N, C-alpha and C. Protein backbone atom coordinates (compact mmCIF):
# COMPACT_ATOMS: atom_id res chain seq x y z
N MET A 1 -10.00 -9.01 6.90
CA MET A 1 -8.96 -8.05 6.64
C MET A 1 -7.98 -8.68 5.64
N GLU A 2 -7.70 -7.96 4.56
CA GLU A 2 -6.78 -8.41 3.52
C GLU A 2 -5.37 -7.89 3.83
N THR A 3 -4.35 -8.60 3.35
CA THR A 3 -2.97 -8.16 3.49
C THR A 3 -2.40 -7.91 2.11
N TYR A 4 -1.78 -6.74 1.92
CA TYR A 4 -1.18 -6.37 0.65
C TYR A 4 0.27 -5.96 0.89
N ILE A 5 1.09 -6.07 -0.16
CA ILE A 5 2.48 -5.66 -0.09
C ILE A 5 2.57 -4.18 -0.47
N PHE A 6 3.17 -3.38 0.42
CA PHE A 6 3.33 -1.95 0.18
C PHE A 6 4.81 -1.61 0.13
N LYS A 7 5.12 -0.51 -0.57
CA LYS A 7 6.50 -0.05 -0.70
C LYS A 7 6.64 1.33 -0.07
N CYS A 8 7.65 1.49 0.76
CA CYS A 8 7.94 2.76 1.42
C CYS A 8 8.52 3.73 0.39
N GLU A 9 8.01 4.95 0.36
CA GLU A 9 8.54 5.94 -0.57
C GLU A 9 9.90 6.48 -0.13
N GLY A 10 10.24 6.32 1.13
CA GLY A 10 11.51 6.82 1.64
C GLY A 10 12.68 5.90 1.31
N CYS A 11 12.58 4.64 1.72
CA CYS A 11 13.69 3.70 1.53
C CYS A 11 13.39 2.63 0.48
N GLU A 12 12.18 2.62 -0.06
CA GLU A 12 11.72 1.65 -1.06
C GLU A 12 11.67 0.22 -0.52
N GLY A 13 11.68 0.09 0.80
CA GLY A 13 11.52 -1.22 1.40
C GLY A 13 10.09 -1.70 1.25
N GLN A 14 9.90 -3.01 1.18
CA GLN A 14 8.56 -3.57 1.01
C GLN A 14 8.15 -4.29 2.28
N LYS A 15 6.84 -4.22 2.56
CA LYS A 15 6.32 -4.80 3.80
C LYS A 15 4.87 -5.20 3.61
N PRO A 16 4.47 -6.37 4.10
CA PRO A 16 3.05 -6.73 4.06
C PRO A 16 2.29 -5.95 5.13
N ILE A 17 1.19 -5.34 4.73
CA ILE A 17 0.39 -4.53 5.66
C ILE A 17 -1.06 -4.98 5.57
N PRO A 18 -1.67 -5.37 6.69
CA PRO A 18 -3.10 -5.68 6.67
C PRO A 18 -3.91 -4.40 6.50
N ILE A 19 -4.91 -4.45 5.61
CA ILE A 19 -5.71 -3.28 5.29
C ILE A 19 -7.16 -3.55 5.61
N GLN A 20 -7.81 -2.60 6.27
CA GLN A 20 -9.24 -2.70 6.57
C GLN A 20 -10.03 -2.18 5.37
N GLU A 21 -11.29 -2.55 5.31
CA GLU A 21 -12.14 -2.14 4.19
C GLU A 21 -12.25 -0.63 4.08
N ALA A 22 -12.23 0.09 5.20
CA ALA A 22 -12.34 1.55 5.17
C ALA A 22 -11.15 2.18 4.45
N GLU A 23 -9.98 1.54 4.54
CA GLU A 23 -8.79 2.07 3.89
C GLU A 23 -8.71 1.69 2.41
N MET A 24 -9.46 0.70 1.96
CA MET A 24 -9.39 0.24 0.58
C MET A 24 -9.79 1.33 -0.41
N ALA A 25 -10.77 2.16 -0.08
CA ALA A 25 -11.20 3.24 -0.98
C ALA A 25 -10.05 4.22 -1.21
N GLU A 26 -9.30 4.50 -0.18
CA GLU A 26 -8.15 5.41 -0.32
C GLU A 26 -7.09 4.80 -1.23
N ILE A 27 -6.86 3.51 -1.09
CA ILE A 27 -5.86 2.83 -1.91
C ILE A 27 -6.33 2.74 -3.36
N ASP A 28 -7.62 2.50 -3.57
CA ASP A 28 -8.16 2.42 -4.92
C ASP A 28 -7.96 3.72 -5.70
N GLU A 29 -7.93 4.84 -5.02
CA GLU A 29 -7.75 6.13 -5.67
C GLU A 29 -6.28 6.47 -5.83
N ARG A 30 -5.38 5.53 -5.60
CA ARG A 30 -3.94 5.69 -5.75
C ARG A 30 -3.33 6.72 -4.80
N ARG A 31 -3.97 6.92 -3.68
CA ARG A 31 -3.41 7.81 -2.67
C ARG A 31 -2.51 6.99 -1.76
N PRO A 32 -1.38 7.55 -1.34
CA PRO A 32 -0.52 6.82 -0.41
C PRO A 32 -1.14 6.78 0.98
N ILE A 33 -0.77 5.78 1.75
CA ILE A 33 -1.20 5.72 3.13
C ILE A 33 0.01 6.03 4.00
N GLN A 34 -0.22 6.58 5.17
CA GLN A 34 0.85 6.95 6.09
C GLN A 34 1.01 5.85 7.13
N LYS A 35 2.20 5.27 7.18
CA LYS A 35 2.53 4.24 8.17
C LYS A 35 3.95 4.48 8.65
N HIS A 36 4.27 3.93 9.79
CA HIS A 36 5.64 4.00 10.31
C HIS A 36 6.50 2.96 9.59
N CYS A 37 7.66 3.39 9.11
CA CYS A 37 8.59 2.47 8.45
C CYS A 37 9.66 2.04 9.46
N PRO A 38 9.78 0.75 9.73
CA PRO A 38 10.79 0.30 10.69
C PRO A 38 12.22 0.49 10.17
N THR A 39 12.41 0.55 8.86
CA THR A 39 13.74 0.75 8.28
C THR A 39 14.15 2.21 8.36
N CYS A 40 13.27 3.12 7.88
CA CYS A 40 13.54 4.58 7.92
C CYS A 40 13.38 5.14 9.33
N ARG A 41 12.55 4.48 10.12
CA ARG A 41 12.20 4.93 11.47
C ARG A 41 11.48 6.28 11.47
N THR A 42 10.66 6.51 10.44
CA THR A 42 9.85 7.72 10.34
C THR A 42 8.48 7.36 9.79
N MET A 43 7.55 8.32 9.89
CA MET A 43 6.26 8.17 9.24
C MET A 43 6.45 8.52 7.77
N THR A 44 6.16 7.58 6.89
CA THR A 44 6.34 7.82 5.46
C THR A 44 5.10 7.40 4.70
N ASN A 45 5.05 7.80 3.45
CA ASN A 45 3.98 7.35 2.57
C ASN A 45 4.29 5.96 2.05
N TRP A 46 3.26 5.14 1.98
CA TRP A 46 3.37 3.78 1.47
C TRP A 46 2.43 3.64 0.28
N MET A 47 2.96 3.15 -0.83
CA MET A 47 2.16 2.91 -2.03
C MET A 47 2.07 1.41 -2.26
N LEU A 48 1.00 0.99 -2.88
CA LEU A 48 0.82 -0.41 -3.20
C LEU A 48 1.94 -0.86 -4.13
N ALA A 49 2.68 -1.90 -3.76
CA ALA A 49 3.82 -2.36 -4.55
C ALA A 49 3.39 -3.04 -5.84
N PHE A 50 2.24 -3.71 -5.82
CA PHE A 50 1.74 -4.42 -6.99
C PHE A 50 0.32 -3.97 -7.27
N PRO A 51 0.13 -2.78 -7.88
CA PRO A 51 -1.22 -2.22 -8.04
C PRO A 51 -2.14 -3.06 -8.92
N ASP A 52 -1.60 -3.92 -9.78
CA ASP A 52 -2.44 -4.76 -10.64
C ASP A 52 -3.16 -5.85 -9.85
N GLN A 53 -2.79 -6.06 -8.59
CA GLN A 53 -3.38 -7.11 -7.80
C GLN A 53 -4.53 -6.64 -6.92
N LEU A 54 -4.99 -5.42 -7.14
CA LEU A 54 -6.15 -4.95 -6.40
C LEU A 54 -7.40 -5.70 -6.86
N PRO A 55 -8.36 -5.91 -5.97
CA PRO A 55 -9.59 -6.56 -6.39
C PRO A 55 -10.34 -5.70 -7.40
N GLY A 56 -11.10 -6.32 -8.27
CA GLY A 56 -11.88 -5.56 -9.24
C GLY A 56 -11.54 -5.91 -10.67
N GLY A 57 -10.76 -6.93 -10.87
CA GLY A 57 -10.46 -7.36 -12.23
C GLY A 57 -9.14 -6.84 -12.76
N ASP A 58 -8.88 -7.22 -13.99
CA ASP A 58 -7.64 -6.87 -14.66
C ASP A 58 -7.70 -5.42 -15.13
N ARG A 59 -6.73 -4.60 -14.73
CA ARG A 59 -6.72 -3.19 -15.10
C ARG A 59 -5.86 -2.92 -16.33
N ARG A 60 -5.24 -3.94 -16.90
CA ARG A 60 -4.36 -3.74 -18.04
C ARG A 60 -5.11 -3.74 -19.36
N LYS A 61 -6.40 -3.90 -19.34
CA LYS A 61 -7.16 -3.95 -20.59
C LYS A 61 -7.41 -2.58 -21.15
C-alpha cells in the first residue's frame, strides 16, 4: 500500500493517505476521492496534492 499526500477541497488542508491499488485507477483519472476531513469534520473530496509524483513517469513532457 502506497501513501500519497492529498489536499482537502473544503479547507485545503493536506494529509497523507494510504491508497490501495484498487483506488489508484480512480486517482489516475484525476477524480477526487471521498474521505472524512478531521479539520472540516465532514466528508469532502480529496485531490492529489502533488499530481506529478504519480507512478508512470514524468508527465511534464
